PDB file of N, CA and C in Angstrom:
ATOM      1  N   UNK A   1      96.232  93.556  68.391  1.00  0.00           N
ATOM      2  CA  UNK A   1      97.016  92.677  69.243  1.00  0.00           C
ATOM      3  C   UNK A   1      96.799  91.236  68.804  1.00  0.00           C
ATOM      4  N   UNK A   2      97.823  90.428  68.874  1.00  0.00           N
ATOM      5  CA  UNK A   2      97.738  89.041  68.455  1.00  0.00           C
ATOM      6  C   UNK A   2      97.177  88.173  69.585  1.00  0.00           C
ATOM      7  N   UNK A   3      97.021  86.899  69.254  1.00  0.00           N
ATOM      8  CA  UNK A   3      96.554  85.936  70.248  1.00  0.00           C
ATOM      9  C   UNK A   3      97.518  85.906  71.431  1.00  0.00           C
ATOM     10  N   UNK A   4      96.997  85.673  72.635  1.00  0.00           N
ATOM     11  CA  UNK A   4      97.906  85.577  73.782  1.00  0.00           C
ATOM     12  C   UNK A   4      98.825  84.363  73.652  1.00  0.00           C
ATOM     13  N   UNK A   5     100.056  84.514  74.064  1.00  0.00           N
ATOM     14  CA  UNK A   5     101.005  83.405  74.014  1.00  0.00           C
ATOM     15  C   UNK A   5     100.759  82.479  75.206  1.00  0.00           C
ATOM     16  N   UNK A   6     101.337  81.276  75.130  1.00  0.00           N
ATOM     17  CA  UNK A   6     101.232  80.347  76.257  1.00  0.00           C
ATOM     18  C   UNK A   6     101.818  80.974  77.516  1.00  0.00           C
ATOM     19  N   UNK A   7     102.889  81.728  77.363  1.00  0.00           N
ATOM     20  CA  UNK A   7     103.505  82.367  78.535  1.00  0.00           C
ATOM     21  C   UNK A   7     102.572  83.425  79.125  1.00  0.00           C
ATOM     22  N   UNK A   8     101.897  84.202  78.274  1.00  0.00           N
ATOM     23  CA  UNK A   8     100.931  85.193  78.765  1.00  0.00           C
ATOM     24  C   UNK A   8      99.837  84.500  79.568  1.00  0.00           C
ATOM     25  N   UNK A   9      99.319  83.409  79.010  1.00  0.00           N
ATOM     26  CA  UNK A   9      98.244  82.670  79.672  1.00  0.00           C
ATOM     27  C   UNK A   9      98.752  82.069  80.981  1.00  0.00           C
ATOM     28  N   UNK A  10      99.935  81.490  80.945  1.00  0.00           N
ATOM     29  CA  UNK A  10     100.532  80.882  82.145  1.00  0.00           C
ATOM     30  C   UNK A  10     100.673  81.916  83.261  1.00  0.00           C
ATOM     31  N   UNK A  11     101.175  83.099  82.914  1.00  0.00           N
ATOM     32  CA  UNK A  11     101.354  84.158  83.917  1.00  0.00           C
ATOM     33  C   UNK A  11     100.020  84.593  84.506  1.00  0.00           C
ATOM     34  N   UNK A  12      99.030  84.786  83.646  1.00  0.00           N
ATOM     35  CA  UNK A  12      97.710  85.212  84.130  1.00  0.00           C
ATOM     36  C   UNK A  12      97.060  84.116  84.959  1.00  0.00           C
ATOM     37  N   UNK A  13      97.166  82.872  84.524  1.00  0.00           N
ATOM     38  CA  UNK A  13      96.588  81.747  85.263  1.00  0.00           C
ATOM     39  C   UNK A  13      97.220  81.638  86.646  1.00  0.00           C
ATOM     40  N   UNK A  14      98.525  81.822  86.711  1.00  0.00           N
ATOM     41  CA  UNK A  14      99.214  81.758  88.002  1.00  0.00           C
ATOM     42  C   UNK A  14      98.714  82.858  88.932  1.00  0.00           C
ATOM     43  N   UNK A  15      98.531  84.038  88.389  1.00  0.00           N
ATOM     44  CA  UNK A  15      98.028  85.160  89.176  1.00  0.00           C
ATOM     45  C   UNK A  15      96.616  84.854  89.692  1.00  0.00           C
ATOM     46  N   UNK A  16      95.758  84.338  88.822  1.00  0.00           N
ATOM     47  CA  UNK A  16      94.394  83.995  89.231  1.00  0.00           C
ATOM     48  C   UNK A  16      94.399  82.896  90.299  1.00  0.00           C
ATOM     49  N   UNK A  17      95.282  81.919  90.120  1.00  0.00           N
ATOM     50  CA  UNK A  17      95.413  80.815  91.068  1.00  0.00           C
ATOM     51  C   UNK A  17      95.827  81.331  92.445  1.00  0.00           C
ATOM     52  N   UNK A  18      96.802  82.242  92.465  1.00  0.00           N
ATOM     53  CA  UNK A  18      97.240  82.820  93.734  1.00  0.00           C
ATOM     54  C   UNK A  18      96.114  83.605  94.402  1.00  0.00           C
ATOM     55  N   UNK A  19      95.367  84.378  93.614  1.00  0.00           N
ATOM     56  CA  UNK A  19      94.257  85.157  94.167  1.00  0.00           C
ATOM     57  C   UNK A  19      93.185  84.251  94.770  1.00  0.00           C
ATOM     58  N   UNK A  20      93.025  83.064  94.214  1.00  0.00           N
ATOM     59  CA  UNK A  20      92.012  82.123  94.686  1.00  0.00           C
ATOM     60  C   UNK A  20      92.485  81.301  95.885  1.00  0.00           C
ATOM     61  N   UNK A  21      93.688  81.550  96.366  1.00  0.00           N
ATOM     62  CA  UNK A  21      94.189  80.836  97.527  1.00  0.00           C
ATOM     63  C   UNK A  21      94.982  79.588  97.203  1.00  0.00           C
ATOM     64  N   UNK A  22      95.456  79.473  95.973  1.00  0.00           N
ATOM     65  CA  UNK A  22      96.308  78.367  95.514  1.00  0.00           C
ATOM     66  C   UNK A  22      95.657  76.982  95.680  1.00  0.00           C
ATOM     67  N   UNK A  23      94.437  76.827  95.211  1.00  0.00           N
ATOM     68  CA  UNK A  23      93.792  75.516  95.336  1.00  0.00           C
ATOM     69  C   UNK A  23      94.455  74.471  94.443  1.00  0.00           C
ATOM     70  N   UNK A  24      94.512  73.246  94.919  1.00  0.00           N
ATOM     71  CA  UNK A  24      95.129  72.161  94.159  1.00  0.00           C
ATOM     72  C   UNK A  24      94.130  71.519  93.211  1.00  0.00           C
ATOM     73  N   UNK A  25      94.653  71.002  92.096  1.00  0.00           N
ATOM     74  CA  UNK A  25      93.842  70.224  91.175  1.00  0.00           C
ATOM     75  C   UNK A  25      92.926  71.019  90.259  1.00  0.00           C
ATOM     76  N   UNK A  26      93.133  72.325  90.134  1.00  0.00           N
ATOM     77  CA  UNK A  26      92.257  73.146  89.292  1.00  0.00           C
ATOM     78  C   UNK A  26      93.039  73.898  88.222  1.00  0.00           C
ATOM     79  N   UNK A  27      94.177  73.324  87.816  1.00  0.00           N
ATOM     80  CA  UNK A  27      95.047  73.998  86.860  1.00  0.00           C
ATOM     81  C   UNK A  27      94.328  74.317  85.548  1.00  0.00           C
ATOM     82  N   UNK A  28      93.591  73.342  85.029  1.00  0.00           N
ATOM     83  CA  UNK A  28      92.901  73.535  83.755  1.00  0.00           C
ATOM     84  C   UNK A  28      91.857  74.649  83.844  1.00  0.00           C
ATOM     85  N   UNK A  29      91.163  74.715  84.951  1.00  0.00           N
ATOM     86  CA  UNK A  29      90.160  75.767  85.159  1.00  0.00           C
ATOM     87  C   UNK A  29      90.796  77.155  85.100  1.00  0.00           C
ATOM     88  N   UNK A  30      91.930  77.309  85.776  1.00  0.00           N
ATOM     89  CA  UNK A  30      92.604  78.604  85.779  1.00  0.00           C
ATOM     90  C   UNK A  30      93.211  78.924  84.419  1.00  0.00           C
ATOM     91  N   UNK A  31      93.704  77.912  83.721  1.00  0.00           N
ATOM     92  CA  UNK A  31      94.254  78.111  82.378  1.00  0.00           C
ATOM     93  C   UNK A  31      93.162  78.661  81.448  1.00  0.00           C
ATOM     94  N   UNK A  32      91.991  78.024  81.465  1.00  0.00           N
ATOM     95  CA  UNK A  32      90.901  78.450  80.581  1.00  0.00           C
ATOM     96  C   UNK A  32      90.391  79.844  80.958  1.00  0.00           C
ATOM     97  N   UNK A  33      90.311  80.116  82.248  1.00  0.00           N
ATOM     98  CA  UNK A  33      89.863  81.438  82.691  1.00  0.00           C
ATOM     99  C   UNK A  33      90.847  82.513  82.232  1.00  0.00           C
ATOM    100  N   UNK A  34      92.135  82.235  82.372  1.00  0.00           N
ATOM    101  CA  UNK A  34      93.153  83.200  81.961  1.00  0.00           C
ATOM    102  C   UNK A  34      93.123  83.422  80.456  1.00  0.00           C
ATOM    103  N   UNK A  35      92.988  82.330  79.704  1.00  0.00           N
ATOM    104  CA  UNK A  35      92.943  82.430  78.250  1.00  0.00           C
ATOM    105  C   UNK A  35      91.749  83.279  77.806  1.00  0.00           C
ATOM    106  N   UNK A  36      90.583  83.026  78.384  1.00  0.00           N
ATOM    107  CA  UNK A  36      89.382  83.783  78.035  1.00  0.00           C
ATOM    108  C   UNK A  36      89.537  85.256  78.402  1.00  0.00           C
ATOM    109  N   UNK A  37      90.080  85.509  79.572  1.00  0.00           N
ATOM    110  CA  UNK A  37      90.280  86.879  80.030  1.00  0.00           C
ATOM    111  C   UNK A  37      91.196  87.652  79.079  1.00  0.00           C
ATOM    112  N   UNK A  38      92.282  87.031  78.679  1.00  0.00           N
ATOM    113  CA  UNK A  38      93.221  87.693  77.769  1.00  0.00           C
ATOM    114  C   UNK A  38      92.604  87.921  76.389  1.00  0.00           C
ATOM    115  N   UNK A  39      91.836  86.980  75.905  1.00  0.00           N
ATOM    116  CA  UNK A  39      91.189  87.161  74.595  1.00  0.00           C
ATOM    117  C   UNK A  39      90.132  88.250  74.651  1.00  0.00           C
ATOM    118  N   UNK A  40      89.381  88.320  75.737  1.00  0.00           N
ATOM    119  CA  UNK A  40      88.381  89.371  75.889  1.00  0.00           C
ATOM    120  C   UNK A  40      89.042  90.730  76.015  1.00  0.00           C
ATOM    121  N   UNK A  41      90.177  90.771  76.690  1.00  0.00           N
ATOM    122  CA  UNK A  41      90.944  92.002  76.827  1.00  0.00           C
ATOM    123  C   UNK A  41      91.365  92.510  75.451  1.00  0.00           C
ATOM    124  N   UNK A  42      91.784  91.600  74.595  1.00  0.00           N
ATOM    125  CA  UNK A  42      92.208  91.946  73.236  1.00  0.00           C
ATOM    126  C   UNK A  42      91.033  92.530  72.453  1.00  0.00           C
ATOM    127  N   UNK A  43      89.861  91.949  72.579  1.00  0.00           N
ATOM    128  CA  UNK A  43      88.688  92.414  71.838  1.00  0.00           C
ATOM    129  C   UNK A  43      88.231  93.789  72.291  1.00  0.00           C
ATOM    130  N   UNK A  44      88.482  94.135  73.548  1.00  0.00           N
ATOM    131  CA  UNK A  44      88.037  95.426  74.063  1.00  0.00           C
ATOM    132  C   UNK A  44      89.096  96.511  73.910  1.00  0.00           C
ATOM    133  N   UNK A  45      90.206  96.176  73.286  1.00  0.00           N
ATOM    134  CA  UNK A  45      91.282  97.140  73.102  1.00  0.00           C
ATOM    135  C   UNK A  45      90.802  98.340  72.297  1.00  0.00           C
ATOM    136  N   UNK A  46      91.163  99.521  72.756  1.00  0.00           N
ATOM    137  CA  UNK A  46      90.768 100.737  72.040  1.00  0.00           C
ATOM    138  C   UNK A  46      91.439 100.836  70.678  1.00  0.00           C
ATOM    139  N   UNK A  47      92.519 100.098  70.487  1.00  0.00           N
ATOM    140  CA  UNK A  47      93.206 100.136  69.201  1.00  0.00           C
ATOM    141  C   UNK A  47      92.443  99.391  68.105  1.00  0.00           C
ATOM    142  N   UNK A  48      91.436  98.606  68.472  1.00  0.00           N
ATOM    143  CA  UNK A  48      90.732  97.787  67.503  1.00  0.00           C
ATOM    144  C   UNK A  48      89.318  98.280  67.236  1.00  0.00           C
ATOM    145  N   UNK A  49      89.067  99.549  67.359  1.00  0.00           N
ATOM    146  CA  UNK A  49      87.735 100.081  67.066  1.00  0.00           C
ATOM    147  C   UNK A  49      87.600 100.266  65.554  1.00  0.00           C
ATOM    148  N   UNK A  50      86.382 100.264  65.043  1.00  0.00           N
ATOM    149  CA  UNK A  50      86.193 100.435  63.599  1.00  0.00           C
ATOM    150  C   UNK A  50      86.816 101.723  63.060  1.00  0.00           C
ATOM    151  N   UNK A  51      86.828 102.771  63.876  1.00  0.00           N
ATOM    152  CA  UNK A  51      87.391 104.043  63.433  1.00  0.00           C
ATOM    153  C   UNK A  51      88.907 104.011  63.263  1.00  0.00           C
ATOM    154  N   UNK A  52      89.571 103.085  63.947  1.00  0.00           N
ATOM    155  CA  UNK A  52      91.030 103.056  63.891  1.00  0.00           C
ATOM    156  C   UNK A  52      91.582 101.907  63.059  1.00  0.00           C
ATOM    157  N   UNK A  53      90.728 101.126  62.441  1.00  0.00           N
ATOM    158  CA  UNK A  53      91.209 100.000  61.626  1.00  0.00           C
ATOM    159  C   UNK A  53      91.653 100.488  60.272  1.00  0.00           C
TER     160      UNK A  53
END
């Protein structure tokens, strides 16, 4: 899987923001959390195991 797109990150950040109760002034925090979450998700993908490369 490739790097997450800005739209992927935006969607995930929005979801995280809503779950947190829509706090104001923390956009960057949610953006970074979403980006990290998506990148970690990519690394744990079963398609990227040494046996399947």
